[in-house]
Amino acid sequence: MKRFNMIDEAFICENCGKKVNILGYTARDHCNYCLCSKHVDINPGDRLNDCKGILRPIGIEKFKDTYKIIYKCDKCNGLHKNIMANDDNFDLIIELSKVE
């Protein structure tokens, strides 16, 4: 089982430059404006990945009663998934649902 280190902190998105506030109910792991993330973890919250590339959203998938955003790293091409946050840009989520 993956270890989860709870880190819910504000940051400036390296993709769009907007300030992203803490989420408040779980760990903030991506920008709620452009949905990009940063490839920093091996296990959630460990900050041990040396890649540091930008994870760009390429699709979504249904997960329980919500969705997971599917990412591809622009540096190492690795794939990663993060659960959608309540304050995510839903217009972008809809656009991702149209990607086949």
N, C-alpha and C. Protein backbone atom coordinates (compact mmCIF):
# COMPACT_ATOMS: atom_id res chain seq x y z
N MET A 1 0.84 -1.18 0.00
CA MET A 1 0.00 0.00 0.00
C MET A 1 0.89 1.24 0.00
N LYS A 2 0.48 2.24 -0.75
CA LYS A 2 1.24 3.49 -0.79
C LYS A 2 1.13 4.22 0.53
N ARG A 3 2.23 4.83 0.93
CA ARG A 3 2.21 5.69 2.11
C ARG A 3 1.74 7.06 1.70
N PHE A 4 1.00 7.71 2.58
CA PHE A 4 0.44 9.03 2.28
C PHE A 4 0.91 10.01 3.34
N ASN A 5 1.66 11.01 2.93
CA ASN A 5 2.13 12.06 3.82
C ASN A 5 1.29 13.29 3.52
N MET A 6 0.46 13.70 4.47
CA MET A 6 -0.48 14.80 4.27
C MET A 6 0.24 16.14 4.21
N ILE A 7 0.29 16.75 3.02
CA ILE A 7 0.85 18.09 2.85
C ILE A 7 -0.20 18.92 2.12
N ASP A 8 -0.79 19.86 2.84
CA ASP A 8 -1.79 20.75 2.25
C ASP A 8 -1.25 22.16 2.40
N GLU A 9 -0.58 22.64 1.35
CA GLU A 9 0.07 23.94 1.44
C GLU A 9 -0.25 24.77 0.20
N ALA A 10 -0.25 26.09 0.38
CA ALA A 10 -0.44 27.00 -0.74
C ALA A 10 0.84 27.02 -1.59
N PHE A 11 0.68 27.34 -2.88
CA PHE A 11 1.84 27.44 -3.77
C PHE A 11 1.48 28.32 -4.96
N ILE A 12 2.49 28.72 -5.70
CA ILE A 12 2.31 29.42 -6.97
C ILE A 12 2.47 28.38 -8.08
N CYS A 13 1.47 28.27 -8.93
CA CYS A 13 1.51 27.28 -10.01
C CYS A 13 2.62 27.65 -11.00
N GLU A 14 3.48 26.69 -11.29
CA GLU A 14 4.57 26.92 -12.24
C GLU A 14 4.08 26.97 -13.68
N ASN A 15 2.86 26.51 -13.93
CA ASN A 15 2.32 26.56 -15.29
C ASN A 15 1.60 27.88 -15.57
N CYS A 16 0.63 28.25 -14.72
CA CYS A 16 -0.18 29.45 -15.01
C CYS A 16 0.18 30.66 -14.15
N GLY A 17 0.99 30.47 -13.11
CA GLY A 17 1.44 31.56 -12.27
C GLY A 17 0.45 32.04 -11.21
N LYS A 18 -0.68 31.37 -11.09
CA LYS A 18 -1.68 31.79 -10.10
C LYS A 18 -1.37 31.22 -8.73
N LYS A 19 -1.79 31.97 -7.68
CA LYS A 19 -1.64 31.49 -6.30
C LYS A 19 -2.73 30.47 -6.03
N VAL A 20 -2.32 29.31 -5.55
CA VAL A 20 -3.23 28.21 -5.23
C VAL A 20 -3.26 28.07 -3.71
N ASN A 21 -4.44 28.23 -3.13
CA ASN A 21 -4.59 28.16 -1.67
C ASN A 21 -4.70 26.72 -1.19
N ILE A 22 -4.54 26.54 0.13
CA ILE A 22 -4.69 25.20 0.69
C ILE A 22 -6.10 24.69 0.40
N LEU A 23 -6.25 23.39 0.40
CA LEU A 23 -7.53 22.78 0.09
C LEU A 23 -8.41 22.69 1.33
N GLY A 24 -7.81 22.34 2.46
CA GLY A 24 -8.55 22.35 3.72
C GLY A 24 -9.16 21.03 4.15
N TYR A 25 -9.34 20.09 3.24
CA TYR A 25 -9.93 18.80 3.64
C TYR A 25 -9.05 17.61 3.29
N THR A 26 -8.05 17.81 2.44
CA THR A 26 -7.05 16.80 2.13
C THR A 26 -5.86 17.52 1.51
N ALA A 27 -4.86 16.79 1.06
CA ALA A 27 -3.66 17.42 0.52
C ALA A 27 -3.92 18.06 -0.84
N ARG A 28 -3.46 19.28 -1.01
CA ARG A 28 -3.54 19.98 -2.29
C ARG A 28 -2.42 19.41 -3.16
N ASP A 29 -2.76 18.85 -4.33
CA ASP A 29 -1.73 18.24 -5.18
C ASP A 29 -1.72 18.74 -6.61
N HIS A 30 -2.55 19.75 -6.92
CA HIS A 30 -2.54 20.33 -8.25
C HIS A 30 -3.21 21.69 -8.24
N CYS A 31 -2.99 22.45 -9.29
CA CYS A 31 -3.57 23.78 -9.43
C CYS A 31 -5.06 23.66 -9.75
N ASN A 32 -5.89 24.37 -9.02
CA ASN A 32 -7.32 24.30 -9.29
C ASN A 32 -7.74 25.17 -10.48
N TYR A 33 -6.85 26.00 -10.99
CA TYR A 33 -7.15 26.85 -12.15
C TYR A 33 -6.85 26.13 -13.47
N CYS A 34 -5.60 25.69 -13.66
CA CYS A 34 -5.20 25.06 -14.92
C CYS A 34 -5.10 23.53 -14.80
N LEU A 35 -5.24 23.01 -13.58
CA LEU A 35 -5.21 21.58 -13.24
C LEU A 35 -3.82 20.94 -13.33
N CYS A 36 -2.78 21.71 -13.63
CA CYS A 36 -1.43 21.15 -13.69
C CYS A 36 -0.90 20.84 -12.29
N SER A 37 0.06 19.94 -12.25
CA SER A 37 0.70 19.55 -11.00
C SER A 37 2.20 19.53 -11.25
N LYS A 38 2.96 19.15 -10.25
CA LYS A 38 4.40 19.05 -10.40
C LYS A 38 4.84 17.66 -9.97
N HIS A 39 5.72 17.04 -10.72
CA HIS A 39 6.17 15.68 -10.48
C HIS A 39 7.21 15.66 -9.36
N VAL A 40 6.75 15.74 -8.13
CA VAL A 40 7.64 15.84 -6.97
C VAL A 40 7.61 14.62 -6.06
N ASP A 41 6.58 13.78 -6.15
CA ASP A 41 6.43 12.66 -5.23
C ASP A 41 6.65 11.31 -5.89
N ILE A 42 7.18 10.37 -5.11
CA ILE A 42 7.17 8.96 -5.48
C ILE A 42 5.93 8.34 -4.85
N ASN A 43 5.81 8.49 -3.53
CA ASN A 43 4.59 8.16 -2.80
C ASN A 43 3.96 9.49 -2.39
N PRO A 44 2.63 9.56 -2.32
CA PRO A 44 1.96 10.84 -2.05
C PRO A 44 2.54 11.61 -0.86
N GLY A 45 3.02 12.82 -1.16
CA GLY A 45 3.52 13.72 -0.12
C GLY A 45 4.96 13.52 0.30
N ASP A 46 5.70 12.58 -0.30
CA ASP A 46 7.07 12.33 0.17
C ASP A 46 8.11 13.31 -0.40
N ARG A 47 7.80 13.98 -1.50
CA ARG A 47 8.69 14.96 -2.15
C ARG A 47 10.06 14.36 -2.51
N LEU A 48 10.10 13.07 -2.86
CA LEU A 48 11.36 12.37 -3.14
C LEU A 48 11.65 12.17 -4.63
N ASN A 49 10.77 12.60 -5.51
CA ASN A 49 11.01 12.42 -6.94
C ASN A 49 11.92 13.52 -7.46
N ASP A 50 12.99 13.15 -8.13
CA ASP A 50 13.94 14.11 -8.67
C ASP A 50 13.50 14.72 -10.00
N CYS A 51 12.45 14.23 -10.61
CA CYS A 51 12.02 14.69 -11.93
C CYS A 51 11.69 16.18 -11.94
N LYS A 52 10.74 16.60 -11.14
CA LYS A 52 10.30 18.00 -11.00
C LYS A 52 9.67 18.58 -12.28
N GLY A 53 9.27 17.72 -13.23
CA GLY A 53 8.59 18.19 -14.43
C GLY A 53 7.16 18.62 -14.13
N ILE A 54 6.53 19.29 -15.08
CA ILE A 54 5.12 19.67 -14.92
C ILE A 54 4.25 18.53 -15.41
N LEU A 55 3.31 18.14 -14.55
CA LEU A 55 2.33 17.13 -14.90
C LEU A 55 1.14 17.84 -15.54
N ARG A 56 0.91 17.55 -16.81
CA ARG A 56 -0.17 18.21 -17.55
C ARG A 56 -1.37 17.27 -17.69
N PRO A 57 -2.58 17.79 -17.46
CA PRO A 57 -3.76 16.93 -17.56
C PRO A 57 -4.02 16.49 -18.99
N ILE A 58 -4.26 15.19 -19.17
CA ILE A 58 -4.52 14.65 -20.51
C ILE A 58 -5.86 13.92 -20.59
N GLY A 59 -6.52 13.72 -19.46
CA GLY A 59 -7.81 13.02 -19.47
C GLY A 59 -8.34 12.88 -18.05
N ILE A 60 -9.51 12.28 -17.94
CA ILE A 60 -10.08 11.98 -16.63
C ILE A 60 -10.65 10.57 -16.66
N GLU A 61 -10.84 10.00 -15.46
CA GLU A 61 -11.51 8.71 -15.34
C GLU A 61 -12.39 8.72 -14.11
N LYS A 62 -13.49 8.00 -14.17
CA LYS A 62 -14.40 7.90 -13.04
C LYS A 62 -13.70 7.15 -11.91
N PHE A 63 -13.86 7.64 -10.67
CA PHE A 63 -13.29 7.00 -9.50
C PHE A 63 -14.27 7.15 -8.35
N LYS A 64 -14.88 6.05 -7.94
CA LYS A 64 -15.90 6.06 -6.89
C LYS A 64 -16.97 7.10 -7.21
N ASP A 65 -17.16 8.09 -6.33
CA ASP A 65 -18.19 9.11 -6.59
C ASP A 65 -17.60 10.42 -7.10
N THR A 66 -16.38 10.36 -7.65
CA THR A 66 -15.71 11.54 -8.17
C THR A 66 -14.92 11.15 -9.43
N TYR A 67 -13.88 11.91 -9.73
CA TYR A 67 -13.03 11.63 -10.89
C TYR A 67 -11.57 11.76 -10.53
N LYS A 68 -10.73 11.07 -11.29
CA LYS A 68 -9.29 11.24 -11.21
C LYS A 68 -8.83 11.93 -12.48
N ILE A 69 -7.92 12.89 -12.30
CA ILE A 69 -7.31 13.56 -13.44
C ILE A 69 -6.09 12.74 -13.84
N ILE A 70 -5.97 12.44 -15.11
CA ILE A 70 -4.83 11.68 -15.62
C ILE A 70 -3.81 12.68 -16.16
N TYR A 71 -2.58 12.53 -15.72
CA TYR A 71 -1.50 13.45 -16.08
C TYR A 71 -0.40 12.74 -16.86
N LYS A 72 0.28 13.53 -17.69
CA LYS A 72 1.51 13.07 -18.33
C LYS A 72 2.58 14.11 -18.03
N CYS A 73 3.73 13.66 -17.55
CA CYS A 73 4.83 14.55 -17.20
C CYS A 73 5.52 15.04 -18.47
N ASP A 74 5.74 16.36 -18.54
CA ASP A 74 6.38 16.93 -19.72
C ASP A 74 7.89 16.72 -19.73
N LYS A 75 8.44 16.16 -18.67
CA LYS A 75 9.88 15.92 -18.61
C LYS A 75 10.22 14.44 -18.80
N CYS A 76 9.58 13.57 -18.02
CA CYS A 76 9.92 12.13 -18.07
C CYS A 76 8.86 11.29 -18.80
N ASN A 77 7.74 11.92 -19.19
CA ASN A 77 6.62 11.24 -19.86
C ASN A 77 5.88 10.24 -18.99
N GLY A 78 6.16 10.23 -17.69
CA GLY A 78 5.45 9.34 -16.79
C GLY A 78 3.98 9.73 -16.66
N LEU A 79 3.14 8.73 -16.40
CA LEU A 79 1.73 8.97 -16.18
C LEU A 79 1.45 8.95 -14.68
N HIS A 80 0.49 9.76 -14.27
CA HIS A 80 0.16 9.91 -12.86
C HIS A 80 -1.32 10.26 -12.77
N LYS A 81 -1.95 9.97 -11.64
CA LYS A 81 -3.35 10.30 -11.43
C LYS A 81 -3.54 10.99 -10.09
N ASN A 82 -4.40 12.01 -10.07
CA ASN A 82 -4.78 12.71 -8.84
C ASN A 82 -6.29 12.83 -8.79
N ILE A 83 -6.84 12.70 -7.59
CA ILE A 83 -8.28 12.89 -7.43
C ILE A 83 -8.63 14.36 -7.61
N MET A 84 -9.69 14.62 -8.31
CA MET A 84 -10.20 15.97 -8.54
C MET A 84 -10.53 16.62 -7.19
N ALA A 85 -10.29 17.92 -7.07
CA ALA A 85 -10.61 18.67 -5.86
C ALA A 85 -11.95 19.40 -6.06
N ASN A 86 -12.61 19.72 -4.95
CA ASN A 86 -13.92 20.38 -4.99
C ASN A 86 -13.88 21.73 -5.70
N ASP A 87 -12.75 22.42 -5.67
CA ASP A 87 -12.67 23.75 -6.26
C ASP A 87 -11.98 23.78 -7.62
N ASP A 88 -11.80 22.62 -8.25
CA ASP A 88 -11.17 22.57 -9.56
C ASP A 88 -12.01 23.27 -10.62
N ASN A 89 -11.34 23.77 -11.64
CA ASN A 89 -11.97 24.41 -12.78
C ASN A 89 -12.79 23.35 -13.53
N PHE A 90 -14.11 23.37 -13.28
CA PHE A 90 -14.95 22.32 -13.85
C PHE A 90 -15.07 22.42 -15.37
N ASP A 91 -14.91 23.60 -15.93
CA ASP A 91 -14.91 23.73 -17.39
C ASP A 91 -13.76 22.93 -18.00
N LEU A 92 -12.59 22.95 -17.36
CA LEU A 92 -11.46 22.15 -17.86
C LEU A 92 -11.70 20.66 -17.65
N ILE A 93 -12.35 20.30 -16.54
CA ILE A 93 -12.70 18.88 -16.31
C ILE A 93 -13.60 18.39 -17.44
N ILE A 94 -14.59 19.20 -17.82
CA ILE A 94 -15.49 18.83 -18.92
C ILE A 94 -14.70 18.68 -20.23
N GLU A 95 -13.79 19.61 -20.50
CA GLU A 95 -12.97 19.52 -21.71
C GLU A 95 -12.15 18.22 -21.72
N LEU A 96 -11.59 17.85 -20.57
CA LEU A 96 -10.81 16.62 -20.47
C LEU A 96 -11.68 15.39 -20.71
N SER A 97 -12.95 15.47 -20.35
CA SER A 97 -13.84 14.32 -20.53
C SER A 97 -14.11 14.07 -22.02
N LYS A 98 -13.86 15.05 -22.86
CA LYS A 98 -14.08 14.92 -24.30
C LYS A 98 -12.88 14.32 -25.01
N VAL A 99 -11.73 14.21 -24.31
CA VAL A 99 -10.50 13.67 -24.90
C VAL A 99 -10.64 12.16 -25.01
N GLU A 100 -10.32 11.65 -26.17
CA GLU A 100 -10.38 10.19 -26.36
C GLU A 100 -9.05 9.63 -26.71
